[in-house]
Amino acid sequence: MTNTEHLELRKPEYGDDADIADLNYNFDILDESVNGAQAVNTRQQTEIDEIYTKLSQLYDAIYNDITGNPFQMVFNTLDDKQVAGVWNKPLQRIEC
Protein backbone atom coordinates (compact mmCIF):
# COMPACT_ATOMS: atom_id res chain seq x y z
CA MET A 1 0.00 0.00 0.00
CA THR A 2 1.16 3.51 -0.79
CA ASN A 3 -0.08 6.92 0.32
CA THR A 4 -0.90 10.03 -1.67
CA GLU A 5 1.65 12.80 -1.53
CA HIS A 6 -0.39 15.64 -0.01
CA LEU A 7 -3.25 14.22 2.05
CA GLU A 8 -1.60 10.89 2.85
CA LEU A 9 -4.66 8.99 1.62
CA ARG A 10 -4.25 5.25 1.64
CA LYS A 11 -3.82 3.72 -1.82
CA PRO A 12 -4.04 -0.06 -1.84
CA GLU A 13 -2.24 -1.96 -4.56
CA TYR A 14 -4.27 -3.93 -7.11
CA GLY A 15 -3.39 -7.19 -5.38
CA ASP A 16 -4.44 -5.98 -1.92
CA ASP A 17 -7.82 -6.83 -0.45
CA ALA A 18 -10.15 -3.85 -0.12
CA ASP A 19 -10.31 -2.71 3.50
CA ILE A 20 -13.32 -0.69 4.66
CA ALA A 21 -11.16 0.90 7.38
CA ASP A 22 -8.87 2.34 4.69
CA LEU A 23 -11.85 3.71 2.75
CA ASN A 24 -13.30 5.28 5.90
CA TYR A 25 -9.90 6.76 6.77
CA ASN A 26 -9.67 8.33 3.30
CA PHE A 27 -13.22 9.70 3.47
CA ASP A 28 -12.56 11.23 6.90
CA ILE A 29 -9.42 12.96 5.60
CA LEU A 30 -11.28 14.28 2.54
CA ASP A 31 -14.19 15.47 4.69
CA GLU A 32 -11.85 17.38 7.03
CA SER A 33 -10.01 18.92 4.08
CA VAL A 34 -13.21 20.10 2.38
CA ASN A 35 -14.59 21.47 5.65
CA GLY A 36 -11.37 23.40 6.28
CA ALA A 37 -11.43 24.83 2.76
CA GLN A 38 -15.04 25.93 3.21
CA ALA A 39 -14.19 27.68 6.49
CA VAL A 40 -11.32 29.53 4.82
CA ASN A 41 -13.60 30.50 1.92
CA THR A 42 -16.22 31.85 4.35
CA ARG A 43 -13.63 33.98 6.18
CA GLN A 44 -12.25 35.29 2.91
CA GLN A 45 -15.74 36.17 1.67
CA THR A 46 -16.43 38.04 4.91
CA GLU A 47 -13.19 40.02 4.47
CA ILE A 48 -14.08 40.77 0.83
CA ASP A 49 -17.55 41.98 1.88
CA GLU A 50 -16.02 44.27 4.53
CA ILE A 51 -13.55 45.73 2.02
CA TYR A 52 -16.36 46.27 -0.51
CA THR A 53 -18.42 48.13 2.11
CA LYS A 54 -15.47 50.38 2.98
CA LEU A 55 -14.75 51.08 -0.69
CA SER A 56 -18.41 51.92 -1.32
CA GLN A 57 -18.38 54.37 1.59
CA LEU A 58 -15.16 55.94 0.31
CA TYR A 59 -16.61 56.23 -3.21
CA ASP A 60 -19.74 57.91 -1.83
CA ALA A 61 -17.65 60.35 0.19
CA ILE A 62 -15.52 61.32 -2.82
CA TYR A 63 -17.84 61.18 -5.82
CA ASN A 64 -21.42 61.59 -4.62
CA ASP A 65 -22.91 64.95 -3.75
CA ILE A 66 -24.54 64.20 -0.44
CA THR A 67 -26.88 67.01 0.49
CA GLY A 68 -29.13 67.44 3.46
CA ASN A 69 -28.17 65.85 6.74
CA PRO A 70 -26.69 62.40 6.15
CA PHE A 71 -25.51 62.13 9.77
CA GLN A 72 -27.55 62.51 12.91
CA MET A 73 -26.83 62.13 16.62
CA VAL A 74 -29.58 62.18 19.21
CA PHE A 75 -28.98 62.95 22.89
CA ASN A 76 -31.43 62.79 25.77
CA THR A 77 -29.67 65.76 27.33
CA LEU A 78 -26.83 68.11 26.44
CA ASP A 79 -25.64 68.36 30.06
CA ASP A 80 -21.84 68.21 30.30
CA LYS A 81 -21.49 68.43 26.50
CA GLN A 82 -19.98 71.20 24.43
CA VAL A 83 -21.79 71.88 21.20
CA ALA A 84 -20.39 73.85 18.28
CA GLY A 85 -22.19 74.70 15.10
CA VAL A 86 -24.99 76.79 13.69
CA TRP A 87 -28.57 76.46 14.92
CA ASN A 88 -30.95 75.74 12.03
CA LYS A 89 -34.20 76.97 13.51
CA PRO A 90 -36.61 75.68 10.81
CA LEU A 91 -35.16 72.18 11.04
CA GLN A 92 -34.57 72.38 14.81
CA ARG A 93 -31.00 71.11 14.62
CA ILE A 94 -27.37 72.16 15.02
CA GLU A 95 -25.38 72.05 11.81
CA CYS A 96 -21.62 71.85 11.73
PDB file of N, CA and C in Angstrom:
ATOM      1  N   MET A   1       0.849  -1.171   0.000  1.00  0.00           N
ATOM      2  CA  MET A   1       0.000   0.000   0.000  1.00  0.00           C
ATOM      3  C   MET A   1       0.895   1.233   0.000  1.00  0.00           C
ATOM      4  N   THR A   2       0.460   2.236  -0.772  1.00  0.00           N
ATOM      5  CA  THR A   2       1.164   3.515  -0.787  1.00  0.00           C
ATOM      6  C   THR A   2       0.201   4.606  -0.325  1.00  0.00           C
ATOM      7  N   ASN A   3       0.739   5.776  -0.084  1.00  0.00           N
ATOM      8  CA  ASN A   3      -0.081   6.919   0.324  1.00  0.00           C
ATOM      9  C   ASN A   3       0.063   8.043  -0.686  1.00  0.00           C
ATOM     10  N   THR A   4      -0.975   8.874  -0.778  1.00  0.00           N
ATOM     11  CA  THR A   4      -0.897  10.031  -1.666  1.00  0.00           C
ATOM     12  C   THR A   4       0.070  11.042  -1.079  1.00  0.00           C
ATOM     13  N   GLU A   5       0.587  11.881  -1.943  1.00  0.00           N
ATOM     14  CA  GLU A   5       1.646  12.804  -1.534  1.00  0.00           C
ATOM     15  C   GLU A   5       1.175  13.874  -0.556  1.00  0.00           C
ATOM     16  N   HIS A   6       0.013  14.472  -0.791  1.00  0.00           N
ATOM     17  CA  HIS A   6      -0.385  15.641  -0.008  1.00  0.00           C
ATOM     18  C   HIS A   6      -1.290  15.318   1.174  1.00  0.00           C
ATOM     19  N   LEU A   7      -2.300  14.516   0.966  1.00  0.00           N
ATOM     20  CA  LEU A   7      -3.251  14.225   2.046  1.00  0.00           C
ATOM     21  C   LEU A   7      -2.956  12.903   2.759  1.00  0.00           C
ATOM     22  N   GLU A   8      -1.950  12.178   2.258  1.00  0.00           N
ATOM     23  CA  GLU A   8      -1.602  10.885   2.853  1.00  0.00           C
ATOM     24  C   GLU A   8      -2.782   9.902   2.835  1.00  0.00           C
ATOM     25  N   LEU A   9      -3.583   9.960   1.768  1.00  0.00           N
ATOM     26  CA  LEU A   9      -4.663   8.991   1.616  1.00  0.00           C
ATOM     27  C   LEU A   9      -4.065   7.628   1.339  1.00  0.00           C
ATOM     28  N   ARG A  10      -4.743   6.617   1.819  1.00  0.00           N
ATOM     29  CA  ARG A  10      -4.248   5.253   1.643  1.00  0.00           C
ATOM     30  C   ARG A  10      -4.624   4.742   0.257  1.00  0.00           C
ATOM     31  N   LYS A  11      -3.603   4.243  -0.472  1.00  0.00           N
ATOM     32  CA  LYS A  11      -3.818   3.723  -1.822  1.00  0.00           C
ATOM     33  C   LYS A  11      -3.409   2.249  -1.861  1.00  0.00           C
ATOM     34  N   PRO A  12      -4.397   1.359  -1.775  1.00  0.00           N
ATOM     35  CA  PRO A  12      -4.043  -0.063  -1.840  1.00  0.00           C
ATOM     36  C   PRO A  12      -3.559  -0.442  -3.235  1.00  0.00           C
ATOM     37  N   GLU A  13      -2.712  -1.429  -3.281  1.00  0.00           N
ATOM     38  CA  GLU A  13      -2.242  -1.960  -4.556  1.00  0.00           C
ATOM     39  C   GLU A  13      -3.344  -2.836  -5.146  1.00  0.00           C
ATOM     40  N   TYR A  14      -3.233  -3.131  -6.451  1.00  0.00           N
ATOM     41  CA  TYR A  14      -4.266  -3.934  -7.110  1.00  0.00           C
ATOM     42  C   TYR A  14      -4.381  -5.326  -6.513  1.00  0.00           C
ATOM     43  N   GLY A  15      -3.341  -5.857  -5.968  1.00  0.00           N
ATOM     44  CA  GLY A  15      -3.392  -7.194  -5.383  1.00  0.00           C
ATOM     45  C   GLY A  15      -3.874  -7.216  -3.950  1.00  0.00           C
ATOM     46  N   ASP A  16      -4.002  -6.052  -3.324  1.00  0.00           N
ATOM     47  CA  ASP A  16      -4.444  -5.984  -1.925  1.00  0.00           C
ATOM     48  C   ASP A  16      -5.954  -6.173  -1.838  1.00  0.00           C
ATOM     49  N   ASP A  17      -6.380  -6.739  -0.711  1.00  0.00           N
ATOM     50  CA  ASP A  17      -7.820  -6.827  -0.449  1.00  0.00           C
ATOM     51  C   ASP A  17      -8.327  -5.436  -0.065  1.00  0.00           C
ATOM     52  N   ALA A  18      -9.552  -5.123  -0.485  1.00  0.00           N
ATOM     53  CA  ALA A  18     -10.153  -3.845  -0.116  1.00  0.00           C
ATOM     54  C   ALA A  18     -10.456  -3.857   1.377  1.00  0.00           C
ATOM     55  N   ASP A  19     -10.091  -2.806   2.059  1.00  0.00           N
ATOM     56  CA  ASP A  19     -10.312  -2.711   3.503  1.00  0.00           C
ATOM     57  C   ASP A  19     -11.215  -1.509   3.768  1.00  0.00           C
ATOM     58  N   ILE A  20     -12.358  -1.767   4.369  1.00  0.00           N
ATOM     59  CA  ILE A  20     -13.321  -0.693   4.663  1.00  0.00           C
ATOM     60  C   ILE A  20     -12.683   0.354   5.580  1.00  0.00           C
ATOM     61  N   ALA A  21     -11.814  -0.047   6.476  1.00  0.00           N
ATOM     62  CA  ALA A  21     -11.158   0.904   7.385  1.00  0.00           C
ATOM     63  C   ALA A  21     -10.318   1.903   6.588  1.00  0.00           C
ATOM     64  N   ASP A  22      -9.655   1.430   5.526  1.00  0.00           N
ATOM     65  CA  ASP A  22      -8.865   2.338   4.686  1.00  0.00           C
ATOM     66  C   ASP A  22      -9.772   3.320   3.947  1.00  0.00           C
ATOM     67  N   LEU A  23     -10.903   2.826   3.432  1.00  0.00           N
ATOM     68  CA  LEU A  23     -11.853   3.714   2.745  1.00  0.00           C
ATOM     69  C   LEU A  23     -12.399   4.768   3.709  1.00  0.00           C
ATOM     70  N   ASN A  24     -12.776   4.330   4.908  1.00  0.00           N
ATOM     71  CA  ASN A  24     -13.300   5.280   5.903  1.00  0.00           C
ATOM     72  C   ASN A  24     -12.239   6.298   6.307  1.00  0.00           C
ATOM     73  N   TYR A  25     -11.009   5.850   6.454  1.00  0.00           N
ATOM     74  CA  TYR A  25      -9.898   6.759   6.766  1.00  0.00           C
ATOM     75  C   TYR A  25      -9.776   7.822   5.675  1.00  0.00           C
ATOM     76  N   ASN A  26      -9.778   7.387   4.419  1.00  0.00           N
ATOM     77  CA  ASN A  26      -9.672   8.326   3.304  1.00  0.00           C
ATOM     78  C   ASN A  26     -10.830   9.312   3.274  1.00  0.00           C
ATOM     79  N   PHE A  27     -12.051   8.807   3.474  1.00  0.00           N
ATOM     80  CA  PHE A  27     -13.221   9.697   3.466  1.00  0.00           C
ATOM     81  C   PHE A  27     -13.154  10.716   4.602  1.00  0.00           C
ATOM     82  N   ASP A  28     -12.682  10.294   5.775  1.00  0.00           N
ATOM     83  CA  ASP A  28     -12.555  11.234   6.902  1.00  0.00           C
ATOM     84  C   ASP A  28     -11.550  12.338   6.579  1.00  0.00           C
ATOM     85  N   ILE A  29     -10.428  11.965   5.975  1.00  0.00           N
ATOM     86  CA  ILE A  29      -9.419  12.960   5.601  1.00  0.00           C
ATOM     87  C   ILE A  29      -9.989  13.939   4.580  1.00  0.00           C
ATOM     88  N   LEU A  30     -10.677  13.409   3.568  1.00  0.00           N
ATOM     89  CA  LEU A  30     -11.278  14.276   2.545  1.00  0.00           C
ATOM     90  C   LEU A  30     -12.332  15.198   3.150  1.00  0.00           C
ATOM     91  N   ASP A  31     -13.146  14.666   4.056  1.00  0.00           N
ATOM     92  CA  ASP A  31     -14.192  15.466   4.689  1.00  0.00           C
ATOM     93  C   ASP A  31     -13.582  16.617   5.492  1.00  0.00           C
ATOM     94  N   GLU A  32     -12.526  16.330   6.255  1.00  0.00           N
ATOM     95  CA  GLU A  32     -11.852  17.375   7.033  1.00  0.00           C
ATOM     96  C   GLU A  32     -11.240  18.436   6.117  1.00  0.00           C
ATOM     97  N   SER A  33     -10.651  17.988   5.016  1.00  0.00           N
ATOM     98  CA  SER A  33     -10.013  18.922   4.082  1.00  0.00           C
ATOM     99  C   SER A  33     -11.032  19.846   3.431  1.00  0.00           C
ATOM    100  N   VAL A  34     -12.158  19.281   3.008  1.00  0.00           N
ATOM    101  CA  VAL A  34     -13.206  20.099   2.381  1.00  0.00           C
ATOM    102  C   VAL A  34     -13.797  21.060   3.392  1.00  0.00           C
ATOM    103  N   ASN A  35     -14.035  20.597   4.612  1.00  0.00           N
ATOM    104  CA  ASN A  35     -14.594  21.470   5.652  1.00  0.00           C
ATOM    105  C   ASN A  35     -13.646  22.621   5.954  1.00  0.00           C
ATOM    106  N   GLY A  36     -12.346  22.335   6.030  1.00  0.00           N
ATOM    107  CA  GLY A  36     -11.372  23.397   6.279  1.00  0.00           C
ATOM    108  C   GLY A  36     -11.336  24.404   5.145  1.00  0.00           C
ATOM    109  N   ALA A  37     -11.431  23.925   3.913  1.00  0.00           N
ATOM    110  CA  ALA A  37     -11.431  24.828   2.761  1.00  0.00           C
ATOM    111  C   ALA A  37     -12.673  25.703   2.766  1.00  0.00           C
ATOM    112  N   GLN A  38     -13.807  25.146   3.152  1.00  0.00           N
ATOM    113  CA  GLN A  38     -15.042  25.932   3.206  1.00  0.00           C
ATOM    114  C   GLN A  38     -14.949  27.011   4.282  1.00  0.00           C
ATOM    115  N   ALA A  39     -14.350  26.690   5.420  1.00  0.00           N
ATOM    116  CA  ALA A  39     -14.194  27.681   6.489  1.00  0.00           C
ATOM    117  C   ALA A  39     -13.295  28.825   6.034  1.00  0.00           C
ATOM    118  N   VAL A  40     -12.210  28.496   5.344  1.00  0.00           N
ATOM    119  CA  VAL A  40     -11.316  29.533   4.822  1.00  0.00           C
ATOM    120  C   VAL A  40     -12.064  30.394   3.809  1.00  0.00           C
ATOM    121  N   ASN A  41     -12.835  29.769   2.931  1.00  0.00           N
ATOM    122  CA  ASN A  41     -13.604  30.499   1.924  1.00  0.00           C
ATOM    123  C   ASN A  41     -14.604  31.447   2.584  1.00  0.00           C
ATOM    124  N   THR A  42     -15.257  31.007   3.646  1.00  0.00           N
ATOM    125  CA  THR A  42     -16.223  31.849   4.350  1.00  0.00           C
ATOM    126  C   THR A  42     -15.530  33.059   4.965  1.00  0.00           C
ATOM    127  N   ARG A  43     -14.376  32.850   5.598  1.00  0.00           N
ATOM    128  CA  ARG A  43     -13.629  33.976   6.183  1.00  0.00           C
ATOM    129  C   ARG A  43     -13.174  34.948   5.103  1.00  0.00           C
ATOM    130  N   GLN A  44     -12.697  34.417   3.992  1.00  0.00           N
ATOM    131  CA  GLN A  44     -12.251  35.294   2.908  1.00  0.00           C
ATOM    132  C   GLN A  44     -13.418  36.081   2.334  1.00  0.00           C
ATOM    133  N   GLN A  45     -14.577  35.457   2.197  1.00  0.00           N
ATOM    134  CA  GLN A  45     -15.742  36.167   1.669  1.00  0.00           C
ATOM    135  C   GLN A  45     -16.171  37.272   2.624  1.00  0.00           C
ATOM    136  N   THR A  46     -16.098  37.016   3.920  1.00  0.00           N
ATOM    137  CA  THR A  46     -16.432  38.044   4.909  1.00  0.00           C
ATOM    138  C   THR A  46     -15.472  39.229   4.786  1.00  0.00           C
ATOM    139  N   GLU A  47     -14.183  38.948   4.627  1.00  0.00           N
ATOM    140  CA  GLU A  47     -13.195  40.020   4.466  1.00  0.00           C
ATOM    141  C   GLU A  47     -13.443  40.797   3.175  1.00  0.00           C
ATOM    142  N   ILE A  48     -13.778  40.101   2.103  1.00  0.00           N
ATOM    143  CA  ILE A  48     -14.080  40.772   0.832  1.00  0.00           C
ATOM    144  C   ILE A  48     -15.301  41.665   0.987  1.00  0.00           C
ATOM    145  N   ASP A  49     -16.337  41.181   1.667  1.00  0.00           N
ATOM    146  CA  ASP A  49     -17.547  41.982   1.881  1.00  0.00           C
ATOM    147  C   ASP A  49     -17.239  43.240   2.689  1.00  0.00           C
ATOM    148  N   GLU A  50     -16.392  43.107   3.718  1.00  0.00           N
ATOM    149  CA  GLU A  50     -16.024  44.273   4.529  1.00  0.00           C
ATOM    150  C   GLU A  50     -15.246  45.292   3.697  1.00  0.00           C
ATOM    151  N   ILE A  51     -14.323  44.823   2.874  1.00  0.00           N
ATOM    152  CA  ILE A  51     -13.554  45.727   2.016  1.00  0.00           C
ATOM    153  C   ILE A  51     -14.476  46.412   1.023  1.00  0.00           C
ATOM    154  N   TYR A  52     -15.405  45.682   0.438  1.00  0.00           N
ATOM    155  CA  TYR A  52     -16.360  46.269  -0.512  1.00  0.00           C
ATOM    156  C   TYR A  52     -17.191  47.365   0.155  1.00  0.00           C
ATOM    157  N   THR A  53     -17.642  47.126   1.376  1.00  0.00           N
ATOM    158  CA  THR A  53     -18.422  48.132   2.108  1.00  0.00           C
ATOM    159  C   THR A  53     -17.594  49.394   2.331  1.00  0.00           C
ATOM    160  N   LYS A  54     -16.348  49.227   2.740  1.00  0.00           N
ATOM    161  CA  LYS A  54     -15.475  50.382   2.975  1.00  0.00           C
ATOM    162  C   LYS A  54     -15.205  51.143   1.680  1.00  0.00           C
ATOM    163  N   LEU A  55     -14.977  50.424   0.595  1.00  0.00           N
ATOM    164  CA  LEU A  55     -14.748  51.082  -0.691  1.00  0.00           C
ATOM    165  C   LEU A  55     -15.994  51.826  -1.158  1.00  0.00           C
ATOM    166  N   SER A  56     -17.161  51.252  -0.941  1.00  0.00           N
ATOM    167  CA  SER A  56     -18.408  51.919  -1.316  1.00  0.00           C
ATOM    168  C   SER A  56     -18.586  53.214  -0.529  1.00  0.00           C
ATOM    169  N   GLN A  57     -18.276  53.169   0.762  1.00  0.00           N
ATOM    170  CA  GLN A  57     -18.382  54.371   1.588  1.00  0.00           C
ATOM    171  C   GLN A  57     -17.383  55.427   1.119  1.00  0.00           C
ATOM    172  N   LEU A  58     -16.178  55.014   0.808  1.00  0.00           N
ATOM    173  CA  LEU A  58     -15.164  55.942   0.315  1.00  0.00           C
ATOM    174  C   LEU A  58     -15.596  56.553  -1.009  1.00  0.00           C
ATOM    175  N   TYR A  59     -16.123  55.744  -1.918  1.00  0.00           N
ATOM    176  CA  TYR A  59     -16.606  56.235  -3.206  1.00  0.00           C
ATOM    177  C   TYR A  59     -17.711  57.270  -2.997  1.00  0.00           C
ATOM    178  N   ASP A  60     -18.652  56.966  -2.106  1.00  0.00           N
ATOM    179  CA  ASP A  60     -19.736  57.910  -1.825  1.00  0.00           C
ATOM    180  C   ASP A  60     -19.189  59.232  -1.298  1.00  0.00           C
ATOM    181  N   ALA A  61     -18.206  59.142  -0.403  1.00  0.00           N
ATOM    182  CA  ALA A  61     -17.647  60.352   0.190  1.00  0.00           C
ATOM    183  C   ALA A  61     -16.922  61.209  -0.844  1.00  0.00           C
ATOM    184  N   ILE A  62     -16.305  60.573  -1.840  1.00  0.00           N
ATOM    185  CA  ILE A  62     -15.521  61.317  -2.818  1.00  0.00           C
ATOM    186  C   ILE A  62     -16.356  61.779  -4.006  1.00  0.00           C
ATOM    187  N   TYR A  63     -17.205  60.910  -4.538  1.00  0.00           N
ATOM    188  CA  TYR A  63     -17.841  61.183  -5.825  1.00  0.00           C
ATOM    189  C   TYR A  63     -19.319  61.563  -5.762  1.00  0.00           C
ATOM    190  N   ASN A  64     -19.991  61.272  -4.677  1.00  0.00           N
ATOM    191  CA  ASN A  64     -21.418  61.586  -4.619  1.00  0.00           C
ATOM    192  C   ASN A  64     -21.659  62.874  -3.862  1.00  0.00           C
ATOM    193  N   ASP A  65     -22.532  63.693  -4.395  1.00  0.00           N
ATOM    194  CA  ASP A  65     -22.905  64.949  -3.752  1.00  0.00           C
ATOM    195  C   ASP A  65     -23.995  64.645  -2.731  1.00  0.00           C
ATOM    196  N   ILE A  66     -23.570  64.499  -1.498  1.00  0.00           N
ATOM    197  CA  ILE A  66     -24.536  64.197  -0.444  1.00  0.00           C
ATOM    198  C   ILE A  66     -25.025  65.517   0.122  1.00  0.00           C
ATOM    199  N   THR A  67     -26.298  65.771  -0.038  1.00  0.00           N
ATOM    200  CA  THR A  67     -26.884  67.006   0.486  1.00  0.00           C
ATOM    201  C   THR A  67     -27.845  66.664   1.606  1.00  0.00           C
ATOM    202  N   GLY A  68     -28.241  67.674   2.333  1.00  0.00           N
ATOM    203  CA  GLY A  68     -29.126  67.435   3.461  1.00  0.00           C
ATOM    204  C   GLY A  68     -28.305  67.079   4.679  1.00  0.00           C
ATOM    205  N   ASN A  69     -28.838  66.248   5.507  1.00  0.00           N
ATOM    206  CA  ASN A  69     -28.169  65.848   6.735  1.00  0.00           C
ATOM    207  C   ASN A  69     -27.992  64.327   6.743  1.00  0.00           C
ATOM    208  N   PRO A  70     -26.883  63.840   6.205  1.00  0.00           N
ATOM    209  CA  PRO A  70     -26.690  62.400   6.149  1.00  0.00           C
ATOM    210  C   PRO A  70     -26.277  61.782   7.488  1.00  0.00           C
ATOM    211  N   PHE A  71     -25.987  62.620   8.491  1.00  0.00           N
ATOM    212  CA  PHE A  71     -25.508  62.127   9.772  1.00  0.00           C
ATOM    213  C   PHE A  71     -26.311  62.768  10.884  1.00  0.00           C
ATOM    214  N   GLN A  72     -26.718  61.973  11.837  1.00  0.00           N
ATOM    215  CA  GLN A  72     -27.553  62.507  12.910  1.00  0.00           C
ATOM    216  C   GLN A  72     -27.172  61.841  14.214  1.00  0.00           C
ATOM    217  N   MET A  73     -27.058  62.657  15.279  1.00  0.00           N
ATOM    218  CA  MET A  73     -26.831  62.134  16.624  1.00  0.00           C
ATOM    219  C   MET A  73     -27.945  62.662  17.509  1.00  0.00           C
ATOM    220  N   VAL A  74     -28.481  61.804  18.329  1.00  0.00           N
ATOM    221  CA  VAL A  74     -29.576  62.185  19.214  1.00  0.00           C
ATOM    222  C   VAL A  74     -29.110  61.983  20.652  1.00  0.00           C
ATOM    223  N   PHE A  75     -29.336  63.014  21.479  1.00  0.00           N
ATOM    224  CA  PHE A  75     -28.983  62.952  22.895  1.00  0.00           C
ATOM    225  C   PHE A  75     -30.243  63.182  23.713  1.00  0.00           C
ATOM    226  N   ASN A  76     -30.323  62.526  24.855  1.00  0.00           N
ATOM    227  CA  ASN A  76     -31.430  62.793  25.775  1.00  0.00           C
ATOM    228  C   ASN A  76     -31.244  64.135  26.463  1.00  0.00           C
ATOM    229  N   THR A  77     -29.991  64.488  26.701  1.00  0.00           N
ATOM    230  CA  THR A  77     -29.666  65.759  27.333  1.00  0.00           C
ATOM    231  C   THR A  77     -28.322  66.239  26.801  1.00  0.00           C
ATOM    232  N   LEU A  78     -28.108  67.543  26.849  1.00  0.00           N
ATOM    233  CA  LEU A  78     -26.828  68.107  26.443  1.00  0.00           C
ATOM    234  C   LEU A  78     -25.991  68.510  27.653  1.00  0.00           C
ATOM    235  N   ASP A  79     -26.407  68.072  28.852  1.00  0.00           N
ATOM    236  CA  ASP A  79     -25.643  68.362  30.058  1.00  0.00           C
ATOM    237  C   ASP A  79     -24.236  67.806  29.912  1.00  0.00           C
ATOM    238  N   ASP A  80     -23.258  68.597  30.337  1.00  0.00           N
ATOM    239  CA  ASP A  80     -21.842  68.213  30.297  1.00  0.00           C
ATOM    240  C   ASP A  80     -21.314  67.987  28.879  1.00  0.00           C
ATOM    241  N   LYS A  81     -21.957  68.568  27.883  1.00  0.00           N
ATOM    242  CA  LYS A  81     -21.488  68.431  26.504  1.00  0.00           C
ATOM    243  C   LYS A  81     -21.286  69.819  25.923  1.00  0.00           C
ATOM    244  N   GLN A  82     -20.209  69.964  25.149  1.00  0.00           N
ATOM    245  CA  GLN A  82     -19.983  71.202  24.434  1.00  0.00           C
ATOM    246  C   GLN A  82     -20.474  71.006  23.009  1.00  0.00           C
ATOM    247  N   VAL A  83     -21.218  71.971  22.538  1.00  0.00           N
ATOM    248  CA  VAL A  83     -21.788  71.876  21.202  1.00  0.00           C
ATOM    249  C   VAL A  83     -21.307  73.063  20.394  1.00  0.00           C
ATOM    250  N   ALA A  84     -20.825  72.786  19.166  1.00  0.00           N
ATOM    251  CA  ALA A  84     -20.387  73.853  18.281  1.00  0.00           C
ATOM    252  C   ALA A  84     -21.101  73.682  16.957  1.00  0.00           C
ATOM    253  N   GLY A  85     -21.519  74.761  16.385  1.00  0.00           N
ATOM    254  CA  GLY A  85     -22.192  74.696  15.103  1.00  0.00           C
ATOM    255  C   GLY A  85     -23.159  75.856  14.957  1.00  0.00           C
ATOM    256  N   VAL A  86     -24.011  75.754  13.976  1.00  0.00           N
ATOM    257  CA  VAL A  86     -24.993  76.793  13.694  1.00  0.00           C
ATOM    258  C   VAL A  86     -26.376  76.201  13.903  1.00  0.00           C
ATOM    259  N   TRP A  87     -27.203  76.923  14.658  1.00  0.00           N
ATOM    260  CA  TRP A  87     -28.566  76.457  14.918  1.00  0.00           C
ATOM    261  C   TRP A  87     -29.445  76.712  13.700  1.00  0.00           C
ATOM    262  N   ASN A  88     -30.011  75.650  13.147  1.00  0.00           N
ATOM    263  CA  ASN A  88     -30.946  75.739  12.034  1.00  0.00           C
ATOM    264  C   ASN A  88     -32.339  75.692  12.654  1.00  0.00           C
ATOM    265  N   LYS A  89     -32.930  76.886  12.818  1.00  0.00           N
ATOM    266  CA  LYS A  89     -34.203  76.969  13.513  1.00  0.00           C
ATOM    267  C   LYS A  89     -35.338  76.240  12.808  1.00  0.00           C
ATOM    268  N   PRO A  90     -35.502  76.377  11.445  1.00  0.00           N
ATOM    269  CA  PRO A  90     -36.614  75.683  10.808  1.00  0.00           C
ATOM    270  C   PRO A  90     -36.526  74.147  10.953  1.00  0.00           C
ATOM    271  N   LEU A  91     -35.305  73.625  10.948  1.00  0.00           N
ATOM    272  CA  LEU A  91     -35.155  72.177  11.039  1.00  0.00           C
ATOM    273  C   LEU A  91     -34.890  71.705  12.476  1.00  0.00           C
ATOM    274  N   GLN A  92     -34.775  72.678  13.389  1.00  0.00           N
ATOM    275  CA  GLN A  92     -34.573  72.380  14.809  1.00  0.00           C
ATOM    276  C   GLN A  92     -33.353  71.459  15.026  1.00  0.00           C
ATOM    277  N   ARG A  93     -32.191  71.919  14.469  1.00  0.00           N
ATOM    278  CA  ARG A  93     -30.997  71.111  14.619  1.00  0.00           C
ATOM    279  C   ARG A  93     -29.764  72.006  14.561  1.00  0.00           C
ATOM    280  N   ILE A  94     -28.662  71.480  15.097  1.00  0.00           N
ATOM    281  CA  ILE A  94     -27.371  72.155  15.019  1.00  0.00           C
ATOM    282  C   ILE A  94     -26.641  71.588  13.811  1.00  0.00           C
ATOM    283  N   GLU A  95     -26.115  72.485  12.992  1.00  0.00           N
ATOM    284  CA  GLU A  95     -25.383  72.054  11.805  1.00  0.00           C
ATOM    285  C   GLU A  95     -23.932  72.478  11.933  1.00  0.00           C
ATOM    286  N   CYS A  96     -23.062  71.572  11.608  1.00  0.00           N
ATOM    287  CA  CYS A  96     -21.619  71.846  11.734  1.00  0.00           C
ATOM    288  C   CYS A  96     -21.060  72.257  10.398  1.00  0.00           C
TER     289      CYS A  96
END
